[in-house]
Protein backbone atom coordinates (compact mmCIF):
# COMPACT_ATOMS: atom_id res chain seq x y z
CA UNK A 1 92.29 67.96 71.90
CA UNK A 2 94.53 70.21 69.78
CA UNK A 3 94.50 72.88 72.50
CA UNK A 4 95.62 70.30 75.10
CA UNK A 5 98.48 69.15 72.85
CA UNK A 6 99.65 72.73 72.22
CA UNK A 7 99.55 73.50 75.93
CA UNK A 8 101.67 70.42 76.68
CA UNK A 9 104.20 71.29 73.95
CA UNK A 10 104.51 74.90 75.19
CA UNK A 11 104.90 73.80 78.81
CA UNK A 12 107.81 71.53 77.84
CA UNK A 13 109.45 73.91 75.37
CA UNK A 14 112.63 75.97 75.99
CA UNK A 15 110.49 79.12 75.66
CA UNK A 16 108.61 78.22 78.84
CA UNK A 17 111.89 77.52 80.66
CA UNK A 18 113.27 80.88 79.58
CA UNK A 19 110.18 82.72 80.82
CA UNK A 20 110.50 81.07 84.23
CA UNK A 21 114.17 82.06 84.49
CA UNK A 22 113.94 85.72 83.45
CA UNK A 23 116.37 88.24 84.94
CA UNK A 24 114.96 89.83 88.09
CA UNK A 25 115.77 93.21 89.61
CA UNK A 26 115.53 95.11 92.86
CA UNK A 27 116.61 98.57 93.86
CA UNK A 28 115.76 101.79 95.64
CA UNK A 29 117.09 105.25 96.30
CA UNK A 30 116.60 107.46 99.36
CA UNK A 31 117.94 111.02 99.52
CA UNK A 32 117.60 111.39 103.31
CA UNK A 33 116.58 109.07 106.11
CA UNK A 34 116.97 110.03 109.75
CA UNK A 35 115.87 108.81 113.16
CA UNK A 36 116.77 110.52 116.43
CA UNK A 37 115.10 111.21 119.76
CA UNK A 38 111.79 109.76 118.65
CA UNK A 39 111.79 111.72 115.38
CA UNK A 40 111.71 109.79 112.12
CA UNK A 41 112.17 111.43 108.74
CA UNK A 42 112.38 110.13 105.17
CA UNK A 43 112.63 112.31 102.04
CA UNK A 44 113.22 111.50 98.39
CA UNK A 45 112.51 107.76 98.73
CA UNK A 46 111.65 105.90 95.50
CA UNK A 47 110.27 102.84 97.23
CA UNK A 48 111.20 99.34 96.11
CA UNK A 49 111.69 98.52 92.43
CA UNK A 50 109.43 95.63 91.30
CA UNK A 51 111.20 92.36 90.50
CA UNK A 52 110.29 92.71 86.82
CA UNK A 53 112.07 96.09 86.68
CA UNK A 54 110.81 99.43 85.42
CA UNK A 55 111.60 102.98 86.53
CA UNK A 56 110.84 104.86 89.75
CA UNK A 57 111.82 108.42 90.65
CA UNK A 58 110.95 111.02 93.25
CA UNK A 59 112.05 114.45 94.40
CA UNK A 60 111.52 116.96 97.20
CA UNK A 61 112.39 120.66 97.12
CA UNK A 62 113.67 120.79 100.69
CA UNK A 63 113.40 119.28 104.15
CA UNK A 64 114.27 120.84 107.51
CA UNK A 65 113.90 119.25 110.93
CA UNK A 66 115.55 121.77 113.23
CA UNK A 67 118.69 120.44 114.89
CA UNK A 68 118.48 117.07 113.14
CA UNK A 69 118.76 117.46 109.36
CA UNK A 70 118.16 119.87 106.53
CA UNK A 71 118.73 119.56 102.78
CA UNK A 72 117.57 120.95 99.44
CA UNK A 73 117.00 119.52 95.96
CA UNK A 74 116.54 115.92 97.10
CA UNK A 75 116.21 113.50 94.17
CA UNK A 76 116.31 109.72 93.76
CA UNK A 77 115.68 107.22 90.99
CA UNK A 78 115.96 103.48 90.45
CA UNK A 79 115.51 101.35 87.35
CA UNK A 80 115.92 97.83 86.07
CA UNK A 81 115.76 96.49 82.51
CA UNK A 82 117.69 94.27 80.14
CA UNK A 83 120.93 93.32 81.91
CA UNK A 84 121.20 96.21 84.39
CA UNK A 85 119.76 97.48 87.66
CA UNK A 86 120.83 100.97 88.75
CA UNK A 87 119.96 103.64 91.32
CA UNK A 88 120.96 107.26 91.93
CA UNK A 89 120.30 109.66 94.80
CA UNK A 90 121.38 113.19 95.69
CA UNK A 91 120.85 116.15 98.00
CA UNK A 92 122.28 119.68 98.21
CA UNK A 93 123.07 122.07 101.07
CA UNK A 94 123.10 119.24 103.58
CA UNK A 95 123.37 120.05 107.29
CA UNK A 96 123.18 117.34 109.97
CA UNK A 97 122.98 117.63 113.75
CA UNK A 98 123.03 121.40 113.85
CA UNK A 99 125.88 121.70 111.36
CA UNK A 100 128.16 119.08 112.94
CA UNK A 101 128.29 117.52 109.44
CA UNK A 102 127.64 119.56 106.30
CA UNK A 103 128.20 119.33 102.55
CA UNK A 104 127.28 121.37 99.48
CA UNK A 105 126.40 118.36 97.31
CA UNK A 106 125.99 114.69 98.23
CA UNK A 107 125.41 112.01 95.56
CA UNK A 108 125.58 108.26 95.31
CA UNK A 109 124.95 105.65 92.65
CA UNK A 110 124.92 101.88 92.52
CA UNK A 111 124.53 99.32 89.77
CA UNK A 112 124.32 95.59 89.28
CA UNK A 113 124.76 94.11 85.81
CA UNK A 114 124.70 90.76 84.05
CA UNK A 115 127.33 89.55 81.62
CA UNK A 116 125.69 86.40 80.37
CA UNK A 117 124.68 84.61 83.56
CA UNK A 118 127.40 86.25 85.70
CA UNK A 119 126.55 89.23 87.91
CA UNK A 120 128.83 92.11 88.85
CA UNK A 121 128.32 95.29 90.89
CA UNK A 122 129.71 98.81 91.19
CA UNK A 123 128.97 102.01 93.06
CA UNK A 124 130.40 105.27 94.29
CA UNK A 125 129.69 108.54 96.08
CA UNK A 126 130.51 112.13 95.14
CA UNK A 127 130.58 114.69 97.94
CA UNK A 128 131.47 118.38 97.54
CA UNK A 129 132.73 120.56 100.44
CA UNK A 130 132.27 117.98 103.20
CA UNK A 131 132.96 119.42 106.66
CA UNK A 132 132.73 117.43 109.91
CA UNK A 133 133.18 119.12 113.31
CA UNK A 134 134.70 122.12 111.55
CA UNK A 135 137.28 120.06 109.63
CA UNK A 136 137.23 119.62 105.84
CA UNK A 137 137.08 115.95 104.85
CA UNK A 138 138.56 114.76 101.55
CA UNK A 139 136.63 111.81 100.17
CA UNK A 140 138.82 109.15 98.58
CA UNK A 141 138.46 105.46 99.38
CA UNK A 142 135.16 103.81 100.33
CA UNK A 143 134.16 103.32 103.98
CA UNK A 144 136.10 106.25 105.44
CA UNK A 145 135.30 106.35 109.18
CA UNK A 146 135.47 109.64 111.11
CA UNK A 147 134.98 109.92 114.90
CA UNK A 148 133.12 113.06 116.03
CA UNK A 149 132.41 114.60 119.46
CA UNK A 150 129.63 113.17 121.61
CA UNK A 151 130.12 109.57 120.55
CA UNK A 152 129.01 110.36 117.01
CA UNK A 153 130.60 108.50 114.09
CA UNK A 154 130.51 109.29 110.38
CA UNK A 155 131.14 106.84 107.55
CA UNK A 156 131.75 108.46 104.17
CA UNK A 157 131.08 106.57 100.92
CA UNK A 158 129.86 103.53 102.83
CA UNK A 159 129.70 100.55 100.46
CA UNK A 160 128.34 97.06 100.98
CA UNK A 161 128.37 94.59 98.10
CA UNK A 162 128.03 90.93 97.36
CA UNK A 163 128.21 89.02 94.12
CA UNK A 164 128.58 85.38 93.30
CA UNK A 165 127.46 83.43 90.30
CA UNK A 166 124.25 84.86 88.89
CA UNK A 167 123.38 87.30 91.72
CA UNK A 168 124.84 90.67 92.65
CA UNK A 169 123.92 93.34 95.17
CA UNK A 170 125.38 96.80 95.91
CA UNK A 171 124.42 99.42 98.51
CA UNK A 172 126.08 102.84 98.75
CA UNK A 173 125.40 105.35 101.54
CA UNK A 174 127.18 108.60 100.69
CA UNK A 175 127.02 109.78 104.34
CA UNK A 176 126.04 107.63 107.34
CA UNK A 177 126.00 109.25 110.78
CA UNK A 178 125.36 107.17 113.91
CA UNK A 179 125.48 107.80 117.62
CA UNK A 180 123.42 107.33 120.79
CA UNK A 181 119.84 107.20 119.49
CA UNK A 182 120.90 108.66 116.12
CA UNK A 183 120.96 107.12 112.65
CA UNK A 184 121.12 109.42 109.60
CA UNK A 185 121.80 108.40 106.00
CA UNK A 186 122.18 110.85 103.11
CA UNK A 187 122.04 109.70 99.46
CA UNK A 188 121.50 105.97 99.83
CA UNK A 189 121.24 103.72 96.77
CA UNK A 190 120.70 99.99 96.40
CA UNK A 191 120.76 97.83 93.28
CA UNK A 192 120.65 94.11 92.81
CA UNK A 193 120.09 91.64 90.03
CA UNK A 194 119.62 87.94 89.46
CA UNK A 195 120.77 86.96 85.99
CA UNK A 196 118.84 84.40 83.95
């Protein structure tokens, strides 16, 4: 009888309500993802962060699919705990589509945080020595679009975010190349959070 009473008290207590409304997380990081002409490639992908948070990380020394993409020192991580969800990804010596797009270092990071029950997001990309179709590209504002020969388009520091009330989500793709049958993303990070 005592056990039944304790169970009823615990089920109705604020402690039980708090446990049901815990902060939840999601996130992932991918250093390189490419599809073109029937070829599909993914390197340095953390996989999805569990909703209860934790830490995931991965790395690859190098990847090279001739004519499509090559990169070295690919690393990604994602984590969620307390009031923050964050992800990082990077690659070095990046060459895409036979050198049409290249960069010495490509990094991105994203985060989603709670301030009380209000969510906010942030993210950015850092790219060193970016060259597209032989022209140096200076990275400044997010979502810089560059048209390239052959119907290819490049978006630099591509950012997509949403936040409202207790939820926030941020995705950053440092480089995103698309074209006929082509979709290549370098240093992609995603973070989101639902605040309790």
